[in-house]
Amino acid sequence: MKSFSDSYKAAGVDVTAGYKSVELMKEHVKRTTIPGVVSGIGGFGGLFQPELTGMKEPVLVSGTDGVGTKLVAAMLLDKHDTIGIDCVAMCVNDVVCCGAKPLFFLDYIACGKNYPEKIAEIVKGVAEGCVQSGCALIGGETAEHPGVMPEEEYDLAGFTVGIVDKDKIIDGSKMVPGDVIIGVASSGVHSNGFSLVRKVFGLTKEKLETYYDELGCTLGEALLRPTRLYVKPALAAIEAADVKAISHITGGGFYENIPRMMKDGCTAKINRAAVPVLPIFDLIAKTGNIPERDMFNTFNMGVGLCMAVSKETADAAIKALNDAGETAFVLGEVVEGDEGVILC
């Protein structure tokens, strides 16, 4: 007998919609299958068998995050096929900062009402993020919250587990003054600072559909541009160069995130002129009259990832990143001091 409950449906939860969502997402999940996947979706746990050959002391590295209020823009425009990429990126870009390769990912979607086609679109983006990162989507959860969330709204979060050999962990401990700070370009706002973005623009569907000459697209297109997935390029740079530390530039911008990768006694001296500030950030600053200090303390400003690399291998790191499809450049250098980061 198939699972069905009229009483539960009357309370706002349609279990059959959940089953339909799973069926619709299976084709997307299948794309993420990599060696090591033991189970398909639908069980009580996702099973993964990591390949440990050649590793002396494997260490698991985990990361979890969501996409924050960027979801408001996705819901206003009824565009849900890329927000999952952001969710994956916010997690896997963090674990690669330790030098870890993401193995698998799980997502969690809470919604006011389960619309199977919408859920499948969200998972389509999650799957795409996993494919681009080389990890597997091995499970997840969709939960209806009638009476708690409006029917059209949802929240999305996820987590990943990666692996790195203990002697290859990147933690900034080998950093020395004279190391080069490399920046890797972002695609836009990514998934951070959207509470300020919403305050600045007073986001509505009409506002999001407004075309701006300086952006070359609508505001909504610029804001929903997915977060860059830096996993494969970062791992390529680690193979090619002496990478001492990595920082994912998320909420808190330069002033919060770059100091997190710095060794005590070392400061990142950033050349302000080298920062490729994107038009969307100029528009935010101008529209909201936001001081530059606050912009650099909230947004990535066009730099989604930073690396501290030995001076001798900086060119090799930049080449590896560029060859992997990113735009990498010298952003500054490591100097003595305890300020964490200075822009000059």
C-alpha atoms as a PDB file:
ATOM      1  CA  MET A   1       0.000   0.000   0.000  1.00  0.00           C
ATOM      2  CA  LYS A   2       1.353   3.429  -0.971  1.00  0.00           C
ATOM      3  CA  SER A   3       1.941   6.010   1.765  1.00  0.00           C
ATOM      4  CA  PHE A   4      -0.844   8.578   1.897  1.00  0.00           C
ATOM      5  CA  SER A   5      -2.630  10.456   4.670  1.00  0.00           C
ATOM      6  CA  ASP A   6      -5.706  12.628   4.106  1.00  0.00           C
ATOM      7  CA  SER A   7      -5.434  13.889   7.684  1.00  0.00           C
ATOM      8  CA  TYR A   8      -1.799  14.984   7.256  1.00  0.00           C
ATOM      9  CA  LYS A   9      -2.673  16.610   3.928  1.00  0.00           C
ATOM     10  CA  ALA A  10      -5.490  18.537   5.651  1.00  0.00           C
ATOM     11  CA  ALA A  11      -2.889  19.771   8.151  1.00  0.00           C
ATOM     12  CA  GLY A  12      -0.813  21.166   5.288  1.00  0.00           C
ATOM     13  CA  VAL A  13       1.655  18.369   4.492  1.00  0.00           C
ATOM     14  CA  ASP A  14       1.197  16.366   1.300  1.00  0.00           C
ATOM     15  CA  VAL A  15       3.557  13.400   1.515  1.00  0.00           C
ATOM     16  CA  THR A  16       2.860  12.462  -2.112  1.00  0.00           C
ATOM     17  CA  ALA A  17       4.338  15.800  -3.216  1.00  0.00           C
ATOM     18  CA  GLY A  18       7.528  14.776  -1.449  1.00  0.00           C
ATOM     19  CA  TYR A  19       7.643  11.518  -3.365  1.00  0.00           C
ATOM     20  CA  LYS A  20       7.138  13.368  -6.641  1.00  0.00           C
ATOM     21  CA  SER A  21       9.953  15.775  -5.752  1.00  0.00           C
ATOM     22  CA  VAL A  22      12.315  12.839  -5.222  1.00  0.00           C
ATOM     23  CA  GLU A  23      11.385  11.334  -8.581  1.00  0.00           C
ATOM     24  CA  LEU A  24      11.919  14.641 -10.378  1.00  0.00           C
ATOM     25  CA  MET A  25      15.306  15.271  -8.761  1.00  0.00           C
ATOM     26  CA  LYS A  26      16.749  11.804  -9.389  1.00  0.00           C
ATOM     27  CA  GLU A  27      17.998  12.715 -12.879  1.00  0.00           C
ATOM     28  CA  HIS A  28      19.899  15.675 -11.449  1.00  0.00           C
ATOM     29  CA  VAL A  29      21.362  13.713  -8.546  1.00  0.00           C
ATOM     30  CA  LYS A  30      22.553  11.008 -10.936  1.00  0.00           C
ATOM     31  CA  ARG A  31      24.814  13.541 -12.668  1.00  0.00           C
ATOM     32  CA  THR A  32      26.841  13.918  -9.477  1.00  0.00           C
ATOM     33  CA  THR A  33      27.745  10.247  -9.065  1.00  0.00           C
ATOM     34  CA  ILE A  34      31.481   9.747  -8.578  1.00  0.00           C
ATOM     35  CA  PRO A  35      33.620   6.773  -7.457  1.00  0.00           C
ATOM     36  CA  GLY A  36      32.900   6.164  -3.788  1.00  0.00           C
ATOM     37  CA  VAL A  37      29.125   6.599  -3.892  1.00  0.00           C
ATOM     38  CA  VAL A  38      27.593   3.504  -2.283  1.00  0.00           C
ATOM     39  CA  SER A  39      23.927   4.446  -1.946  1.00  0.00           C
ATOM     40  CA  GLY A  40      21.321   6.302  -3.926  1.00  0.00           C
ATOM     41  CA  ILE A  41      18.955   8.887  -2.489  1.00  0.00           C
ATOM     42  CA  GLY A  42      15.916   7.773  -0.512  1.00  0.00           C
ATOM     43  CA  GLY A  43      17.544   5.848   2.307  1.00  0.00           C
ATOM     44  CA  PHE A  44      18.010   6.934   5.909  1.00  0.00           C
ATOM     45  CA  GLY A  45      21.654   7.838   5.342  1.00  0.00           C
ATOM     46  CA  GLY A  46      23.962   8.655   2.452  1.00  0.00           C
ATOM     47  CA  LEU A  47      26.800   6.165   2.088  1.00  0.00           C
ATOM     48  CA  PHE A  48      30.220   7.045   0.697  1.00  0.00           C
ATOM     49  CA  GLN A  49      33.440   5.017   0.628  1.00  0.00           C
ATOM     50  CA  PRO A  50      36.464   7.317   0.205  1.00  0.00           C
ATOM     51  CA  GLU A  51      39.547   6.237  -1.706  1.00  0.00           C
ATOM     52  CA  LEU A  52      42.394   6.391   0.800  1.00  0.00           C
ATOM     53  CA  THR A  53      45.160   4.857  -1.280  1.00  0.00           C
ATOM     54  CA  GLY A  54      48.364   6.869  -0.935  1.00  0.00           C
ATOM     55  CA  MET A  55      47.100   8.845   2.053  1.00  0.00           C
ATOM     56  CA  LYS A  56      49.115   8.499   5.256  1.00  0.00           C
ATOM     57  CA  GLU A  57      46.810  10.223   7.740  1.00  0.00           C
ATOM     58  CA  PRO A  58      43.503  11.198   6.112  1.00  0.00           C
ATOM     59  CA  VAL A  59      41.628  14.006   7.841  1.00  0.00           C
ATOM     60  CA  LEU A  60      37.962  14.783   7.231  1.00  0.00           C
ATOM     61  CA  VAL A  61      37.045  18.446   6.778  1.00  0.00           C
ATOM     62  CA  SER A  62      33.417  19.555   7.021  1.00  0.00           C
ATOM     63  CA  GLY A  63      31.590  22.742   6.158  1.00  0.00           C
ATOM     64  CA  THR A  64      27.988  23.938   6.340  1.00  0.00           C
ATOM     65  CA  ASP A  65      26.186  27.057   5.178  1.00  0.00           C
ATOM     66  CA  GLY A  66      23.137  28.434   3.439  1.00  0.00           C
ATOM     67  CA  VAL A  67      22.522  31.217   0.934  1.00  0.00           C
ATOM     68  CA  GLY A  68      20.980  33.741   3.305  1.00  0.00           C
ATOM     69  CA  THR A  69      18.571  36.375   2.068  1.00  0.00           C
ATOM     70  CA  LYS A  70      19.703  36.008  -1.533  1.00  0.00           C
ATOM     71  CA  LEU A  71      16.694  33.696  -1.554  1.00  0.00           C
ATOM     72  CA  VAL A  72      14.448  36.771  -1.555  1.00  0.00           C
ATOM     73  CA  ALA A  73      15.663  37.725  -5.041  1.00  0.00           C
ATOM     74  CA  ALA A  74      15.175  34.159  -6.294  1.00  0.00           C
ATOM     75  CA  MET A  75      11.636  34.016  -4.911  1.00  0.00           C
ATOM     76  CA  LEU A  76      10.650  37.446  -6.240  1.00  0.00           C
ATOM     77  CA  LEU A  77      11.789  36.484  -9.735  1.00  0.00           C
ATOM     78  CA  ASP A  78      10.552  32.888  -9.415  1.00  0.00           C
ATOM     79  CA  LYS A  79      13.972  31.693 -10.569  1.00  0.00           C
ATOM     80  CA  HIS A  80      15.255  28.746  -8.585  1.00  0.00           C
ATOM     81  CA  ASP A  81      17.681  26.818 -10.823  1.00  0.00           C
ATOM     82  CA  THR A  82      20.913  28.520  -9.715  1.00  0.00           C
ATOM     83  CA  ILE A  83      20.422  29.169  -5.995  1.00  0.00           C
ATOM     84  CA  GLY A  84      21.575  25.608  -5.317  1.00  0.00           C
ATOM     85  CA  ILE A  85      24.925  26.386  -6.930  1.00  0.00           C
ATOM     86  CA  ASP A  86      25.350  29.131  -4.331  1.00  0.00           C
ATOM     87  CA  CYS A  87      24.570  26.719  -1.513  1.00  0.00           C
ATOM     88  CA  VAL A  88      27.194  24.226  -2.663  1.00  0.00           C
ATOM     89  CA  ALA A  89      29.760  26.962  -3.269  1.00  0.00           C
ATOM     90  CA  MET A  90      29.374  28.431   0.202  1.00  0.00           C
ATOM     91  CA  CYS A  91      30.300  25.052   1.676  1.00  0.00           C
ATOM     92  CA  VAL A  92      32.898  23.574  -0.692  1.00  0.00           C
ATOM     93  CA  ASN A  93      34.783  26.843  -1.138  1.00  0.00           C
ATOM     94  CA  ASP A  94      35.294  26.847   2.619  1.00  0.00           C
ATOM     95  CA  VAL A  95      36.672  23.320   2.947  1.00  0.00           C
ATOM     96  CA  VAL A  96      39.099  23.772   0.046  1.00  0.00           C
ATOM     97  CA  CYS A  97      40.697  26.571   2.086  1.00  0.00           C
ATOM     98  CA  CYS A  98      42.190  23.761   4.200  1.00  0.00           C
ATOM     99  CA  GLY A  99      43.451  22.021   1.065  1.00  0.00           C
ATOM    100  CA  ALA A 100      40.648  19.462   1.253  1.00  0.00           C
ATOM    101  CA  LYS A 101      38.883  17.875  -1.716  1.00  0.00           C
ATOM    102  CA  PRO A 102      35.107  17.775  -1.158  1.00  0.00           C
ATOM    103  CA  LEU A 103      33.745  14.227  -1.301  1.00  0.00           C
ATOM    104  CA  PHE A 104      30.006  14.583  -0.886  1.00  0.00           C
ATOM    105  CA  PHE A 105      27.219  17.048  -0.194  1.00  0.00           C
ATOM    106  CA  LEU A 106      23.778  16.956   1.438  1.00  0.00           C
ATOM    107  CA  ASP A 107      21.109  19.644   1.214  1.00  0.00           C
ATOM    108  CA  TYR A 108      18.161  20.690   3.362  1.00  0.00           C
ATOM    109  CA  ILE A 109      15.153  22.526   1.950  1.00  0.00           C
ATOM    110  CA  ALA A 110      12.465  23.878   4.261  1.00  0.00           C
ATOM    111  CA  CYS A 111       9.369  25.172   2.501  1.00  0.00           C
ATOM    112  CA  GLY A 112       5.907  26.443   3.291  1.00  0.00           C
ATOM    113  CA  LYS A 113       4.466  24.127   0.666  1.00  0.00           C
ATOM    114  CA  ASN A 114       6.155  21.444  -1.405  1.00  0.00           C
ATOM    115  CA  TYR A 115       5.828  22.301  -5.075  1.00  0.00           C
ATOM    116  CA  PRO A 116       7.680  19.349  -6.660  1.00  0.00           C
ATOM    117  CA  GLU A 117       8.750  21.183  -9.815  1.00  0.00           C
ATOM    118  CA  LYS A 118      10.193  24.062  -7.757  1.00  0.00           C
ATOM    119  CA  ILE A 119      12.033  21.682  -5.424  1.00  0.00           C
ATOM    120  CA  ALA A 120      13.453  19.859  -8.443  1.00  0.00           C
ATOM    121  CA  GLU A 121      14.701  23.172  -9.876  1.00  0.00           C
ATOM    122  CA  ILE A 122      16.458  23.967  -6.609  1.00  0.00           C
ATOM    123  CA  VAL A 123      18.080  20.527  -6.525  1.00  0.00           C
ATOM    124  CA  LYS A 124      19.088  20.936 -10.164  1.00  0.00           C
ATOM    125  CA  GLY A 125      21.271  23.852  -9.062  1.00  0.00           C
ATOM    126  CA  VAL A 126      22.652  21.873  -6.133  1.00  0.00           C
ATOM    127  CA  ALA A 127      23.586  19.066  -8.513  1.00  0.00           C
ATOM    128  CA  GLU A 128      25.276  21.485 -10.904  1.00  0.00           C
ATOM    129  CA  GLY A 129      27.339  22.892  -8.039  1.00  0.00           C
ATOM    130  CA  CYS A 130      28.381  19.379  -7.062  1.00  0.00           C
ATOM    131  CA  VAL A 131      29.347  18.508 -10.643  1.00  0.00           C
ATOM    132  CA  GLN A 132      31.477  21.642 -10.928  1.00  0.00           C
ATOM    133  CA  SER A 133      33.146  20.804  -7.605  1.00  0.00           C
ATOM    134  CA  GLY A 134      33.695  17.106  -8.298  1.00  0.00           C
ATOM    135  CA  CYS A 135      31.670  15.922  -5.295  1.00  0.00           C
ATOM    136  CA  ALA A 136      28.587  13.733  -5.027  1.00  0.00           C
ATOM    137  CA  LEU A 137      25.095  14.687  -3.881  1.00  0.00           C
ATOM    138  CA  ILE A 138      24.276  11.632  -1.745  1.00  0.00           C
ATOM    139  CA  GLY A 139      21.226  12.779   0.202  1.00  0.00           C
ATOM    140  CA  GLY A 140      19.107  15.568   1.552  1.00  0.00           C
ATOM    141  CA  GLU A 141      15.818  16.519   3.106  1.00  0.00           C
ATOM    142  CA  THR A 142      12.765  18.485   2.039  1.00  0.00           C
ATOM    143  CA  ALA A 143      10.465  19.557   4.875  1.00  0.00           C
ATOM    144  CA  GLU A 144       7.093  21.266   4.609  1.00  0.00           C
ATOM    145  CA  HIS A 145       6.420  23.832   7.343  1.00  0.00           C
ATOM    146  CA  PRO A 146       2.757  24.834   6.932  1.00  0.00           C
ATOM    147  CA  GLY A 147       1.731  27.652   9.233  1.00  0.00           C
ATOM    148  CA  VAL A 148       5.374  28.454   9.963  1.00  0.00           C
ATOM    149  CA  MET A 149       6.478  29.619   6.522  1.00  0.00           C
ATOM    150  CA  PRO A 150       4.347  31.212   3.777  1.00  0.00           C
ATOM    151  CA  GLU A 151       3.499  28.677   1.063  1.00  0.00           C
ATOM    152  CA  GLU A 152       5.699  30.293  -1.615  1.00  0.00           C
ATOM    153  CA  GLU A 153       8.782  30.638   0.575  1.00  0.00           C
ATOM    154  CA  TYR A 154      11.638  28.268   1.293  1.00  0.00           C
ATOM    155  CA  ASP A 155      15.067  28.153   2.889  1.00  0.00           C
ATOM    156  CA  LEU A 156      18.069  26.228   1.640  1.00  0.00           C
ATOM    157  CA  ALA A 157      21.132  24.997   3.484  1.00  0.00           C
ATOM    158  CA  GLY A 158      23.652  22.226   3.066  1.00  0.00           C
ATOM    159  CA  PHE A 159      26.883  20.698   4.212  1.00  0.00           C
ATOM    160  CA  THR A 160      29.869  18.968   2.729  1.00  0.00           C
ATOM    161  CA  VAL A 161      32.608  16.620   3.873  1.00  0.00           C
ATOM    162  CA  GLY A 162      36.047  16.691   2.280  1.00  0.00           C
ATOM    163  CA  ILE A 163      39.343  14.940   2.860  1.00  0.00           C
ATOM    164  CA  VAL A 164      43.007  15.931   3.011  1.00  0.00           C
ATOM    165  CA  ASP A 165      46.181  14.172   4.129  1.00  0.00           C
ATOM    166  CA  LYS A 166      47.268  15.582   7.485  1.00  0.00           C
ATOM    167  CA  ASP A 167      50.695  16.712   6.290  1.00  0.00           C
ATOM    168  CA  LYS A 168      49.068  18.591   3.401  1.00  0.00           C
ATOM    169  CA  ILE A 169      46.638  20.641   5.472  1.00  0.00           C
ATOM    170  CA  ILE A 170      46.826  24.339   4.563  1.00  0.00           C
ATOM    171  CA  ASP A 171      46.619  26.416   7.724  1.00  0.00           C
ATOM    172  CA  GLY A 172      48.908  29.420   7.276  1.00  0.00           C
ATOM    173  CA  SER A 173      51.577  28.023   9.618  1.00  0.00           C
ATOM    174  CA  LYS A 174      54.272  28.192   6.918  1.00  0.00           C
ATOM    175  CA  MET A 175      53.509  31.780   5.969  1.00  0.00           C
ATOM    176  CA  VAL A 176      56.393  34.282   5.999  1.00  0.00           C
ATOM    177  CA  PRO A 177      56.737  37.978   5.144  1.00  0.00           C
ATOM    178  CA  GLY A 178      57.424  38.286   1.436  1.00  0.00           C
ATOM    179  CA  ASP A 179      54.812  35.723   0.391  1.00  0.00           C
ATOM    180  CA  VAL A 180      52.558  36.922  -2.408  1.00  0.00           C
ATOM    181  CA  ILE A 181      48.819  37.446  -1.933  1.00  0.00           C
ATOM    182  CA  ILE A 182      46.932  36.256  -5.006  1.00  0.00           C
ATOM    183  CA  GLY A 183      43.336  37.226  -5.694  1.00  0.00           C
ATOM    184  CA  VAL A 184      40.825  35.202  -7.707  1.00  0.00           C
ATOM    185  CA  ALA A 185      37.954  37.107  -9.293  1.00  0.00           C
ATOM    186  CA  SER A 186      34.375  36.738  -8.106  1.00  0.00           C
ATOM    187  CA  SER A 187      31.294  36.693 -10.329  1.00  0.00           C
ATOM    188  CA  GLY A 188      29.494  39.351  -8.324  1.00  0.00           C
ATOM    189  CA  VAL A 189      27.906  39.632  -4.896  1.00  0.00           C
ATOM    190  CA  HIS A 190      27.947  35.829  -4.527  1.00  0.00           C
ATOM    191  CA  SER A 191      25.783  34.973  -1.473  1.00  0.00           C
ATOM    192  CA  ASN A 192      26.788  37.587   1.072  1.00  0.00           C
ATOM    193  CA  GLY A 193      25.640  41.001   2.170  1.00  0.00           C
ATOM    194  CA  PHE A 194      22.121  40.627   0.795  1.00  0.00           C
ATOM    195  CA  SER A 195      20.499  42.165   3.857  1.00  0.00           C
ATOM    196  CA  LEU A 196      22.363  45.366   2.989  1.00  0.00           C
ATOM    197  CA  VAL A 197      21.585  44.929  -0.725  1.00  0.00           C
ATOM    198  CA  ARG A 198      17.880  44.626   0.083  1.00  0.00           C
ATOM    199  CA  LYS A 199      18.017  47.735   2.281  1.00  0.00           C
ATOM    200  CA  VAL A 200      19.815  49.739  -0.403  1.00  0.00           C
ATOM    201  CA  PHE A 201      17.479  48.847  -3.276  1.00  0.00           C
ATOM    202  CA  GLY A 202      14.232  48.068  -1.456  1.00  0.00           C
ATOM    203  CA  LEU A 203      13.988  44.920  -3.535  1.00  0.00           C
ATOM    204  CA  THR A 204      10.787  44.301  -5.453  1.00  0.00           C
ATOM    205  CA  LYS A 205      10.114  42.291  -8.585  1.00  0.00           C
ATOM    206  CA  GLU A 206       9.927  45.544 -10.552  1.00  0.00           C
ATOM    207  CA  LYS A 207      13.262  46.739  -9.140  1.00  0.00           C
ATOM    208  CA  LEU A 208      14.938  43.416  -9.931  1.00  0.00           C
ATOM    209  CA  GLU A 209      13.677  43.572 -13.515  1.00  0.00           C
ATOM    210  CA  THR A 210      15.114  47.088 -13.992  1.00  0.00           C
ATOM    211  CA  TYR A 211      17.929  47.289 -16.548  1.00  0.00           C
ATOM    212  CA  TYR A 212      21.059  49.236 -15.580  1.00  0.00           C
ATOM    213  CA  ASP A 213      23.465  50.397 -18.274  1.00  0.00           C
ATOM    214  CA  GLU A 214      26.430  50.159 -15.899  1.00  0.00           C
ATOM    215  CA  LEU A 215      25.628  46.497 -15.243  1.00  0.00           C
ATOM    216  CA  GLY A 216      24.809  45.562 -18.819  1.00  0.00           C
ATOM    217  CA  CYS A 217      21.866  43.556 -17.487  1.00  0.00           C
ATOM    218  CA  THR A 218      18.973  43.787 -15.057  1.00  0.00           C
ATOM    219  CA  LEU A 219      19.616  44.142 -11.347  1.00  0.00           C
ATOM    220  CA  GLY A 220      18.135  40.705 -10.779  1.00  0.00           C
ATOM    221  CA  GLU A 221      20.459  39.070 -13.302  1.00  0.00           C
ATOM    222  CA  ALA A 222      23.463  40.659 -11.619  1.00  0.00           C
ATOM    223  CA  LEU A 223      22.380  39.711  -8.106  1.00  0.00           C
ATOM    224  CA  LEU A 224      21.410  36.123  -8.923  1.00  0.00           C
ATOM    225  CA  ARG A 225      24.655  35.391 -10.736  1.00  0.00           C
ATOM    226  CA  PRO A 226      25.882  32.215  -8.973  1.00  0.00           C
ATOM    227  CA  THR A 227      28.827  32.106  -6.620  1.00  0.00           C
ATOM    228  CA  ARG A 228      32.043  30.925  -8.264  1.00  0.00           C
ATOM    229  CA  LEU A 229      33.088  27.388  -7.393  1.00  0.00           C
ATOM    230  CA  TYR A 230      36.812  27.538  -6.660  1.00  0.00           C
ATOM    231  CA  VAL A 231      37.463  23.894  -5.711  1.00  0.00           C
ATOM    232  CA  LYS A 232      39.071  22.520  -8.859  1.00  0.00           C
ATOM    233  CA  PRO A 233      41.101  25.690  -9.617  1.00  0.00           C
ATOM    234  CA  ALA A 234      42.311  25.912  -5.998  1.00  0.00           C
ATOM    235  CA  LEU A 235      43.351  22.263  -5.939  1.00  0.00           C
ATOM    236  CA  ALA A 236      45.206  22.797  -9.239  1.00  0.00           C
ATOM    237  CA  ALA A 237      47.062  25.755  -7.715  1.00  0.00           C
ATOM    238  CA  ILE A 238      47.945  23.675  -4.653  1.00  0.00           C
ATOM    239  CA  GLU A 239      49.472  21.041  -6.931  1.00  0.00           C
ATOM    240  CA  ALA A 240      51.400  23.609  -8.955  1.00  0.00           C
ATOM    241  CA  ALA A 241      52.664  25.964  -6.260  1.00  0.00           C
ATOM    242  CA  ASP A 242      53.624  26.407  -2.631  1.00  0.00           C
ATOM    243  CA  VAL A 243      50.272  27.608  -1.300  1.00  0.00           C
ATOM    244  CA  LYS A 244      50.581  28.702   2.343  1.00  0.00           C
ATOM    245  CA  ALA A 245      47.025  29.869   3.129  1.00  0.00           C
ATOM    246  CA  ILE A 246      43.634  30.345   1.470  1.00  0.00           C
ATOM    247  CA  SER A 247      40.682  32.562   2.374  1.00  0.00           C
ATOM    248  CA  HIS A 248      37.158  32.409   0.956  1.00  0.00           C
ATOM    249  CA  ILE A 249      35.898  36.011   0.859  1.00  0.00           C
ATOM    250  CA  THR A 250      32.322  35.804   2.121  1.00  0.00           C
ATOM    251  CA  GLY A 251      30.244  37.856   4.565  1.00  0.00           C
ATOM    252  CA  GLY A 252      32.527  40.293   6.351  1.00  0.00           C
ATOM    253  CA  GLY A 253      34.480  40.997   3.181  1.00  0.00           C
ATOM    254  CA  PHE A 254      38.219  41.637   3.250  1.00  0.00           C
ATOM    255  CA  TYR A 255      38.422  42.833   6.845  1.00  0.00           C
ATOM    256  CA  GLU A 256      36.871  39.740   8.378  1.00  0.00           C
ATOM    257  CA  ASN A 257      37.990  36.928   6.083  1.00  0.00           C
ATOM    258  CA  ILE A 258      41.572  37.667   5.066  1.00  0.00           C
ATOM    259  CA  PRO A 259      42.792  37.874   8.705  1.00  0.00           C
ATOM    260  CA  ARG A 260      41.393  34.353   9.237  1.00  0.00           C
ATOM    261  CA  MET A 261      44.135  32.932   7.021  1.00  0.00           C
ATOM    262  CA  MET A 262      46.962  35.022   8.451  1.00  0.00           C
ATOM    263  CA  LYS A 263      49.624  33.655  10.786  1.00  0.00           C
ATOM    264  CA  ASP A 264      50.347  35.589  13.992  1.00  0.00           C
ATOM    265  CA  GLY A 265      52.875  38.300  13.241  1.00  0.00           C
ATOM    266  CA  CYS A 266      51.868  38.496   9.581  1.00  0.00           C
ATOM    267  CA  THR A 267      49.620  41.010   7.847  1.00  0.00           C
ATOM    268  CA  ALA A 268      48.152  40.973   4.364  1.00  0.00           C
ATOM    269  CA  LYS A 269      49.069  44.237   2.636  1.00  0.00           C
ATOM    270  CA  ILE A 270      46.504  44.633  -0.143  1.00  0.00           C
ATOM    271  CA  ASN A 271      47.007  46.980  -3.070  1.00  0.00           C
ATOM    272  CA  ARG A 272      43.638  48.748  -3.324  1.00  0.00           C
ATOM    273  CA  ALA A 273      44.286  49.572  -6.979  1.00  0.00           C
ATOM    274  CA  ALA A 274      44.649  45.857  -7.766  1.00  0.00           C
ATOM    275  CA  VAL A 275      41.116  45.056  -6.586  1.00  0.00           C
ATOM    276  CA  PRO A 276      38.904  44.605  -9.686  1.00  0.00           C
ATOM    277  CA  VAL A 277      35.818  46.249  -8.201  1.00  0.00           C
ATOM    278  CA  LEU A 278      32.793  45.067 -10.195  1.00  0.00           C
ATOM    279  CA  PRO A 279      30.076  47.484 -11.412  1.00  0.00           C
ATOM    280  CA  ILE A 280      27.480  45.960  -9.066  1.00  0.00           C
ATOM    281  CA  PHE A 281      29.525  47.103  -6.064  1.00  0.00           C
ATOM    282  CA  ASP A 282      29.889  50.616  -7.443  1.00  0.00           C
ATOM    283  CA  LEU A 283      26.109  50.695  -7.933  1.00  0.00           C
ATOM    284  CA  ILE A 284      25.450  49.492  -4.384  1.00  0.00           C
ATOM    285  CA  ALA A 285      27.849  52.047  -2.904  1.00  0.00           C
ATOM    286  CA  LYS A 286      26.419  54.902  -4.968  1.00  0.00           C
ATOM    287  CA  THR A 287      22.758  54.035  -4.437  1.00  0.00           C
ATOM    288  CA  GLY A 288      23.086  53.437  -0.719  1.00  0.00           C
ATOM    289  CA  ASN A 289      25.779  56.042  -0.026  1.00  0.00           C
ATOM    290  CA  ILE A 290      27.862  53.288   1.574  1.00  0.00           C
ATOM    291  CA  PRO A 291      31.400  54.254   2.719  1.00  0.00           C
ATOM    292  CA  GLU A 292      34.221  52.318   1.068  1.00  0.00           C
ATOM    293  CA  ARG A 293      35.337  50.880   4.417  1.00  0.00           C
ATOM    294  CA  ASP A 294      31.885  49.384   4.939  1.00  0.00           C
ATOM    295  CA  MET A 295      31.823  47.998   1.395  1.00  0.00           C
ATOM    296  CA  PHE A 296      35.119  46.166   1.946  1.00  0.00           C
ATOM    297  CA  ASN A 297      33.823  44.953   5.319  1.00  0.00           C
ATOM    298  CA  THR A 298      30.642  43.493   3.808  1.00  0.00           C
ATOM    299  CA  PHE A 299      31.245  42.354   0.221  1.00  0.00           C
ATOM    300  CA  ASN A 300      33.930  40.513  -1.746  1.00  0.00           C
ATOM    301  CA  MET A 301      34.285  43.582  -4.018  1.00  0.00           C
ATOM    302  CA  GLY A 302      35.291  41.397  -6.976  1.00  0.00           C
ATOM    303  CA  VAL A 303      37.687  39.016  -5.187  1.00  0.00           C
ATOM    304  CA  GLY A 304      36.116  35.708  -4.172  1.00  0.00           C
ATOM    305  CA  LEU A 305      39.237  33.887  -3.019  1.00  0.00           C
ATOM    306  CA  CYS A 306      42.669  34.899  -1.720  1.00  0.00           C
ATOM    307  CA  MET A 307      45.826  32.820  -1.497  1.00  0.00           C
ATOM    308  CA  ALA A 308      49.147  33.404   0.201  1.00  0.00           C
ATOM    309  CA  VAL A 309      51.823  31.788  -1.968  1.00  0.00           C
ATOM    310  CA  SER A 310      55.600  31.725  -1.871  1.00  0.00           C
ATOM    311  CA  LYS A 311      57.104  34.439  -4.042  1.00  0.00           C
ATOM    312  CA  GLU A 312      59.001  31.846  -6.095  1.00  0.00           C
ATOM    313  CA  THR A 313      55.839  29.940  -7.073  1.00  0.00           C
ATOM    314  CA  ALA A 314      53.369  32.820  -7.428  1.00  0.00           C
ATOM    315  CA  ASP A 315      53.517  32.780 -11.228  1.00  0.00           C
ATOM    316  CA  ALA A 316      52.881  29.032 -11.268  1.00  0.00           C
ATOM    317  CA  ALA A 317      49.847  29.466  -9.000  1.00  0.00           C
ATOM    318  CA  ILE A 318      48.401  32.224 -11.172  1.00  0.00           C
ATOM    319  CA  LYS A 319      48.925  30.129 -14.312  1.00  0.00           C
ATOM    320  CA  ALA A 320      47.227  27.099 -12.735  1.00  0.00           C
ATOM    321  CA  LEU A 321      44.244  29.203 -11.672  1.00  0.00           C
ATOM    322  CA  ASN A 322      43.940  30.888 -15.058  1.00  0.00           C
ATOM    323  CA  ASP A 323      44.298  27.574 -16.892  1.00  0.00           C
ATOM    324  CA  ALA A 324      41.435  26.246 -14.766  1.00  0.00           C
ATOM    325  CA  GLY A 325      39.160  29.018 -16.012  1.00  0.00           C
ATOM    326  CA  GLU A 326      39.558  31.613 -13.273  1.00  0.00           C
ATOM    327  CA  THR A 327      40.945  35.141 -13.402  1.00  0.00           C
ATOM    328  CA  ALA A 328      43.853  35.353 -10.956  1.00  0.00           C
ATOM    329  CA  PHE A 329      46.186  38.254 -10.217  1.00  0.00           C
ATOM    330  CA  VAL A 330      48.651  39.607  -7.664  1.00  0.00           C
ATOM    331  CA  LEU A 331      46.668  41.397  -4.982  1.00  0.00           C
ATOM    332  CA  GLY A 332      49.376  42.233  -2.466  1.00  0.00           C
ATOM    333  CA  GLU A 333      51.967  40.707  -0.182  1.00  0.00           C
ATOM    334  CA  VAL A 334      52.519  39.364   3.317  1.00  0.00           C
ATOM    335  CA  VAL A 335      54.322  41.800   5.620  1.00  0.00           C
ATOM    336  CA  GLU A 336      55.227  41.813   9.291  1.00  0.00           C
ATOM    337  CA  GLY A 337      52.549  43.036  11.686  1.00  0.00           C
ATOM    338  CA  ASP A 338      49.445  42.012  13.586  1.00  0.00           C
ATOM    339  CA  GLU A 339      46.792  44.031  11.777  1.00  0.00           C
ATOM    340  CA  GLY A 340      45.492  41.058   9.832  1.00  0.00           C
ATOM    341  CA  VAL A 341      44.865  43.062   6.686  1.00  0.00           C
ATOM    342  CA  ILE A 342      45.543  46.587   5.495  1.00  0.00           C
ATOM    343  CA  LEU A 343      44.373  48.203   2.246  1.00  0.00           C
ATOM    344  CA  CYS A 344      46.603  50.865   0.820  1.00  0.00           C
END
